[in-house]
Amino acid sequence: MKQDVVKELGLLALGTRLKRIGERLQAQTQAVLESAGVATPASHFPLLAALDRLGAMSVGELAEALGVSQPGVTRQLSNLQAEGLVQAQPSPGDLRSRTIDLTKSGKQLVARTKRSHWPVIEAAVADACAADGRALLASLAALEQALAEESLNDRANRLSSGGKRRASA
């Protein structure tokens, strides 16, 4: 058996391990979607879901809702526009900004996948997580909150200068 250095490094390589797991989950989700005849990349569905859930919004609002960079959202939007799933309109009052919304095709795709594919994918992920799925989500939420409150860099500086661990809020 090969040695899994990333796994053995524990918390030191947590970002790499999470990225590796994320890439595996995304690739396997893509395989599920493709086997069901859905050609849209799995990576685009969070953006489509945000528009479905929150309605039309600007690129900046989409980036904030997804917690990703604006350039990343812009790249995805270009692909989704080319597929005819989203449309961009100049924002009323600020012609420099665009409002993004689902097209009729985009709404149909989201409705179909939400009804037929998302529950199956979610159940498969829950099955892979076994009994620890909710605890995993809670731990990830706590980690995201902790990093929002104090960056890893600030923590490293504080800890290397002899500072104590901050109490959890």
C-alpha atoms as a PDB file:
ATOM      1  CA  MET A   1       0.000   0.000   0.000  1.00  0.00           C
ATOM      2  CA  LYS A   2       1.258   3.441  -0.874  1.00  0.00           C
ATOM      3  CA  GLN A   3       1.917   5.913   1.875  1.00  0.00           C
ATOM      4  CA  ASP A   4      -0.606   8.776   1.987  1.00  0.00           C
ATOM      5  CA  VAL A   5       1.605  11.674   3.019  1.00  0.00           C
ATOM      6  CA  VAL A   6      -1.200  14.232   2.954  1.00  0.00           C
ATOM      7  CA  LYS A   7      -3.316  12.105   5.292  1.00  0.00           C
ATOM      8  CA  GLU A   8      -0.355  11.464   7.590  1.00  0.00           C
ATOM      9  CA  LEU A   9       0.440  15.182   7.841  1.00  0.00           C
ATOM     10  CA  GLY A  10      -2.920  15.673   9.555  1.00  0.00           C
ATOM     11  CA  LEU A  11      -3.907  19.272  10.240  1.00  0.00           C
ATOM     12  CA  LEU A  12      -0.732  20.584   8.598  1.00  0.00           C
ATOM     13  CA  ALA A  13      -2.116  19.560   5.184  1.00  0.00           C
ATOM     14  CA  LEU A  14      -5.833  19.950   5.927  1.00  0.00           C
ATOM     15  CA  GLY A  15      -6.358  22.420   3.065  1.00  0.00           C
ATOM     16  CA  THR A  16      -4.767  20.027   0.583  1.00  0.00           C
ATOM     17  CA  ARG A  17      -6.792  17.122   1.928  1.00  0.00           C
ATOM     18  CA  LEU A  18     -10.066  19.072   1.761  1.00  0.00           C
ATOM     19  CA  LYS A  19      -9.240  20.150  -1.791  1.00  0.00           C
ATOM     20  CA  ARG A  20      -8.482  16.540  -2.731  1.00  0.00           C
ATOM     21  CA  ILE A  21     -11.777  15.355  -1.240  1.00  0.00           C
ATOM     22  CA  GLY A  22     -13.627  18.221  -2.925  1.00  0.00           C
ATOM     23  CA  GLU A  23     -12.153  17.371  -6.307  1.00  0.00           C
ATOM     24  CA  ARG A  24     -13.055  13.696  -5.855  1.00  0.00           C
ATOM     25  CA  LEU A  25     -16.618  14.541  -4.805  1.00  0.00           C
ATOM     26  CA  GLN A  26     -17.015  16.918  -7.729  1.00  0.00           C
ATOM     27  CA  ALA A  27     -15.671  14.391 -10.251  1.00  0.00           C
ATOM     28  CA  GLN A  28     -17.920  11.648  -8.903  1.00  0.00           C
ATOM     29  CA  THR A  29     -20.908  14.013  -8.875  1.00  0.00           C
ATOM     30  CA  GLN A  30     -20.105  14.824 -12.496  1.00  0.00           C
ATOM     31  CA  ALA A  31     -20.154  11.095 -13.307  1.00  0.00           C
ATOM     32  CA  VAL A  32     -23.607  10.740 -11.684  1.00  0.00           C
ATOM     33  CA  LEU A  33     -24.918  13.735 -13.646  1.00  0.00           C
ATOM     34  CA  GLU A  34     -23.433  12.515 -16.935  1.00  0.00           C
ATOM     35  CA  SER A  35     -24.916   9.041 -16.448  1.00  0.00           C
ATOM     36  CA  ALA A  36     -28.291  10.777 -16.068  1.00  0.00           C
ATOM     37  CA  GLY A  37     -27.749  12.741 -19.297  1.00  0.00           C
ATOM     38  CA  VAL A  38     -26.916  16.092 -17.659  1.00  0.00           C
ATOM     39  CA  ALA A  39     -24.042  17.765 -19.522  1.00  0.00           C
ATOM     40  CA  THR A  40     -23.694  20.880 -17.330  1.00  0.00           C
ATOM     41  CA  PRO A  41     -20.592  20.636 -15.117  1.00  0.00           C
ATOM     42  CA  ALA A  42     -21.262  19.776 -11.469  1.00  0.00           C
ATOM     43  CA  SER A  43     -19.149  22.788 -10.480  1.00  0.00           C
ATOM     44  CA  HIS A  44     -21.777  25.103 -12.009  1.00  0.00           C
ATOM     45  CA  PHE A  45     -24.703  23.870  -9.941  1.00  0.00           C
ATOM     46  CA  PRO A  46     -23.984  25.891  -6.787  1.00  0.00           C
ATOM     47  CA  LEU A  47     -24.194  29.056  -8.918  1.00  0.00           C
ATOM     48  CA  LEU A  48     -27.403  27.875 -10.589  1.00  0.00           C
ATOM     49  CA  ALA A  49     -28.825  26.929  -7.173  1.00  0.00           C
ATOM     50  CA  ALA A  50     -27.967  30.385  -5.793  1.00  0.00           C
ATOM     51  CA  LEU A  51     -29.848  32.075  -8.633  1.00  0.00           C
ATOM     52  CA  ASP A  52     -32.763  29.688  -8.175  1.00  0.00           C
ATOM     53  CA  ARG A  53     -32.880  30.250  -4.420  1.00  0.00           C
ATOM     54  CA  LEU A  54     -32.063  33.966  -4.239  1.00  0.00           C
ATOM     55  CA  GLY A  55     -33.242  35.290  -7.608  1.00  0.00           C
ATOM     56  CA  ALA A  56     -31.450  37.663  -9.961  1.00  0.00           C
ATOM     57  CA  MET A  57     -28.359  39.359  -8.571  1.00  0.00           C
ATOM     58  CA  SER A  58     -25.106  41.017  -9.533  1.00  0.00           C
ATOM     59  CA  VAL A  59     -21.838  39.173 -10.078  1.00  0.00           C
ATOM     60  CA  GLY A  60     -20.532  40.548  -6.771  1.00  0.00           C
ATOM     61  CA  GLU A  61     -23.641  39.383  -4.912  1.00  0.00           C
ATOM     62  CA  LEU A  62     -23.310  35.942  -6.485  1.00  0.00           C
ATOM     63  CA  ALA A  63     -19.652  35.731  -5.462  1.00  0.00           C
ATOM     64  CA  GLU A  64     -20.591  36.708  -1.912  1.00  0.00           C
ATOM     65  CA  ALA A  65     -23.478  34.225  -1.768  1.00  0.00           C
ATOM     66  CA  LEU A  66     -21.161  31.425  -2.896  1.00  0.00           C
ATOM     67  CA  GLY A  67     -18.123  32.544  -0.895  1.00  0.00           C
ATOM     68  CA  VAL A  68     -15.875  32.502  -3.958  1.00  0.00           C
ATOM     69  CA  SER A  69     -13.950  35.085  -5.981  1.00  0.00           C
ATOM     70  CA  GLN A  70     -15.605  37.387  -8.493  1.00  0.00           C
ATOM     71  CA  PRO A  71     -13.289  36.269 -11.340  1.00  0.00           C
ATOM     72  CA  GLY A  72     -14.304  32.650 -10.660  1.00  0.00           C
ATOM     73  CA  VAL A  73     -17.987  33.558 -10.853  1.00  0.00           C
ATOM     74  CA  THR A  74     -17.385  35.550 -14.043  1.00  0.00           C
ATOM     75  CA  ARG A  75     -15.699  32.533 -15.693  1.00  0.00           C
ATOM     76  CA  GLN A  76     -18.594  30.255 -14.726  1.00  0.00           C
ATOM     77  CA  LEU A  77     -21.124  32.801 -15.946  1.00  0.00           C
ATOM     78  CA  SER A  78     -19.448  32.942 -19.351  1.00  0.00           C
ATOM     79  CA  ASN A  79     -19.838  29.179 -19.700  1.00  0.00           C
ATOM     80  CA  LEU A  80     -23.422  29.226 -18.435  1.00  0.00           C
ATOM     81  CA  GLN A  81     -24.334  32.049 -20.827  1.00  0.00           C
ATOM     82  CA  ALA A  82     -22.834  30.074 -23.714  1.00  0.00           C
ATOM     83  CA  GLU A  83     -25.041  27.126 -22.674  1.00  0.00           C
ATOM     84  CA  GLY A  84     -28.067  29.445 -22.597  1.00  0.00           C
ATOM     85  CA  LEU A  85     -28.705  28.816 -18.885  1.00  0.00           C
ATOM     86  CA  VAL A  86     -28.198  32.359 -17.568  1.00  0.00           C
ATOM     87  CA  GLN A  87     -28.619  35.846 -18.965  1.00  0.00           C
ATOM     88  CA  ALA A  88     -27.043  39.144 -17.992  1.00  0.00           C
ATOM     89  CA  GLN A  89     -28.825  42.484 -18.107  1.00  0.00           C
ATOM     90  CA  PRO A  90     -27.418  45.922 -17.272  1.00  0.00           C
ATOM     91  CA  SER A  91     -28.406  46.761 -13.705  1.00  0.00           C
ATOM     92  CA  PRO A  92     -30.973  49.523 -13.380  1.00  0.00           C
ATOM     93  CA  GLY A  93     -29.283  52.653 -12.090  1.00  0.00           C
ATOM     94  CA  ASP A  94     -25.703  51.401 -12.679  1.00  0.00           C
ATOM     95  CA  LEU A  95     -24.912  50.427 -16.258  1.00  0.00           C
ATOM     96  CA  ARG A  96     -21.423  49.254 -15.199  1.00  0.00           C
ATOM     97  CA  SER A  97     -23.006  46.423 -13.206  1.00  0.00           C
ATOM     98  CA  ARG A  98     -24.884  43.442 -14.616  1.00  0.00           C
ATOM     99  CA  THR A  99     -27.789  41.545 -13.096  1.00  0.00           C
ATOM    100  CA  ILE A 100     -27.619  37.805 -13.675  1.00  0.00           C
ATOM    101  CA  ASP A 101     -30.690  35.584 -13.829  1.00  0.00           C
ATOM    102  CA  LEU A 102     -31.659  32.120 -14.981  1.00  0.00           C
ATOM    103  CA  THR A 103     -33.083  31.767 -18.480  1.00  0.00           C
ATOM    104  CA  LYS A 104     -36.110  29.578 -19.133  1.00  0.00           C
ATOM    105  CA  SER A 105     -33.705  26.717 -19.987  1.00  0.00           C
ATOM    106  CA  GLY A 106     -31.752  27.373 -16.800  1.00  0.00           C
ATOM    107  CA  LYS A 107     -34.923  27.259 -14.696  1.00  0.00           C
ATOM    108  CA  GLN A 108     -35.963  24.009 -16.370  1.00  0.00           C
ATOM    109  CA  LEU A 109     -32.541  22.426 -15.778  1.00  0.00           C
ATOM    110  CA  VAL A 110     -32.518  23.452 -12.116  1.00  0.00           C
ATOM    111  CA  ALA A 111     -36.082  22.214 -11.590  1.00  0.00           C
ATOM    112  CA  ARG A 112     -35.309  18.858 -13.223  1.00  0.00           C
ATOM    113  CA  THR A 113     -32.009  18.250 -11.433  1.00  0.00           C
ATOM    114  CA  LYS A 114     -33.382  19.513  -8.113  1.00  0.00           C
ATOM    115  CA  ARG A 115     -36.232  17.038  -8.353  1.00  0.00           C
ATOM    116  CA  SER A 116     -34.446  14.019  -9.852  1.00  0.00           C
ATOM    117  CA  HIS A 117     -30.706  14.237  -9.299  1.00  0.00           C
ATOM    118  CA  TRP A 118     -29.832  16.422  -6.309  1.00  0.00           C
ATOM    119  CA  PRO A 119     -31.606  14.162  -3.784  1.00  0.00           C
ATOM    120  CA  VAL A 120     -29.776  11.093  -5.110  1.00  0.00           C
ATOM    121  CA  ILE A 121     -26.411  12.853  -5.016  1.00  0.00           C
ATOM    122  CA  GLU A 122     -27.070  14.190  -1.514  1.00  0.00           C
ATOM    123  CA  ALA A 123     -28.090  10.703  -0.319  1.00  0.00           C
ATOM    124  CA  ALA A 124     -24.951   9.184  -1.860  1.00  0.00           C
ATOM    125  CA  VAL A 125     -22.736  11.748  -0.114  1.00  0.00           C
ATOM    126  CA  ALA A 126     -24.594  11.162   3.165  1.00  0.00           C
ATOM    127  CA  ASP A 127     -24.049   7.426   2.722  1.00  0.00           C
ATOM    128  CA  ALA A 128     -20.320   8.000   2.141  1.00  0.00           C
ATOM    129  CA  CYS A 129     -20.183  10.124   5.309  1.00  0.00           C
ATOM    130  CA  ALA A 130     -21.922   7.328   7.259  1.00  0.00           C
ATOM    131  CA  ALA A 131     -23.240   8.482  10.635  1.00  0.00           C
ATOM    132  CA  ASP A 132     -20.845  11.424  10.849  1.00  0.00           C
ATOM    133  CA  GLY A 133     -22.322  13.622   8.091  1.00  0.00           C
ATOM    134  CA  ARG A 134     -23.957  16.182  10.376  1.00  0.00           C
ATOM    135  CA  ALA A 135     -20.909  16.313  12.648  1.00  0.00           C
ATOM    136  CA  LEU A 136     -18.690  16.844   9.603  1.00  0.00           C
ATOM    137  CA  LEU A 137     -20.857  19.735   8.396  1.00  0.00           C
ATOM    138  CA  ALA A 138     -20.833  21.269  11.888  1.00  0.00           C
ATOM    139  CA  SER A 139     -17.044  20.974  12.066  1.00  0.00           C
ATOM    140  CA  LEU A 140     -16.635  22.577   8.638  1.00  0.00           C
ATOM    141  CA  ALA A 141     -18.963  25.430   9.634  1.00  0.00           C
ATOM    142  CA  ALA A 142     -16.961  25.962  12.844  1.00  0.00           C
ATOM    143  CA  LEU A 143     -13.687  25.988  10.881  1.00  0.00           C
ATOM    144  CA  GLU A 144     -15.059  28.506   8.356  1.00  0.00           C
ATOM    145  CA  GLN A 145     -16.281  30.732  11.201  1.00  0.00           C
ATOM    146  CA  ALA A 146     -12.972  30.515  13.050  1.00  0.00           C
ATOM    147  CA  LEU A 147     -11.023  31.466   9.914  1.00  0.00           C
ATOM    148  CA  ALA A 148     -13.403  34.360   9.255  1.00  0.00           C
ATOM    149  CA  GLU A 149     -12.816  35.644  12.789  1.00  0.00           C
ATOM    150  CA  GLU A 150      -9.026  35.267  12.726  1.00  0.00           C
ATOM    151  CA  SER A 151      -6.966  34.312   9.690  1.00  0.00           C
ATOM    152  CA  LEU A 152      -4.520  31.427   9.750  1.00  0.00           C
ATOM    153  CA  ASN A 153      -1.689  33.937   9.322  1.00  0.00           C
ATOM    154  CA  ASP A 154      -2.828  35.947  12.362  1.00  0.00           C
ATOM    155  CA  ARG A 155      -3.166  32.755  14.373  1.00  0.00           C
ATOM    156  CA  ALA A 156       0.299  31.566  13.370  1.00  0.00           C
ATOM    157  CA  ASN A 157       1.828  34.933  14.317  1.00  0.00           C
ATOM    158  CA  ARG A 158       0.024  34.953  17.659  1.00  0.00           C
ATOM    159  CA  LEU A 159       0.973  31.374  18.487  1.00  0.00           C
ATOM    160  CA  SER A 160       4.612  31.755  17.397  1.00  0.00           C
ATOM    161  CA  SER A 161       4.988  34.805  19.628  1.00  0.00           C
ATOM    162  CA  GLY A 162       3.832  32.839  22.642  1.00  0.00           C
ATOM    163  CA  GLY A 163       0.206  33.930  22.486  1.00  0.00           C
ATOM    164  CA  LYS A 164      -2.387  31.625  23.872  1.00  0.00           C
ATOM    165  CA  ARG A 165      -5.114  29.883  21.984  1.00  0.00           C
ATOM    166  CA  ARG A 166      -8.230  32.054  21.752  1.00  0.00           C
ATOM    167  CA  ALA A 167     -11.305  30.816  23.552  1.00  0.00           C
ATOM    168  CA  SER A 168     -14.157  29.791  21.276  1.00  0.00           C
ATOM    169  CA  ALA A 169     -17.058  32.171  21.086  1.00  0.00           C
END
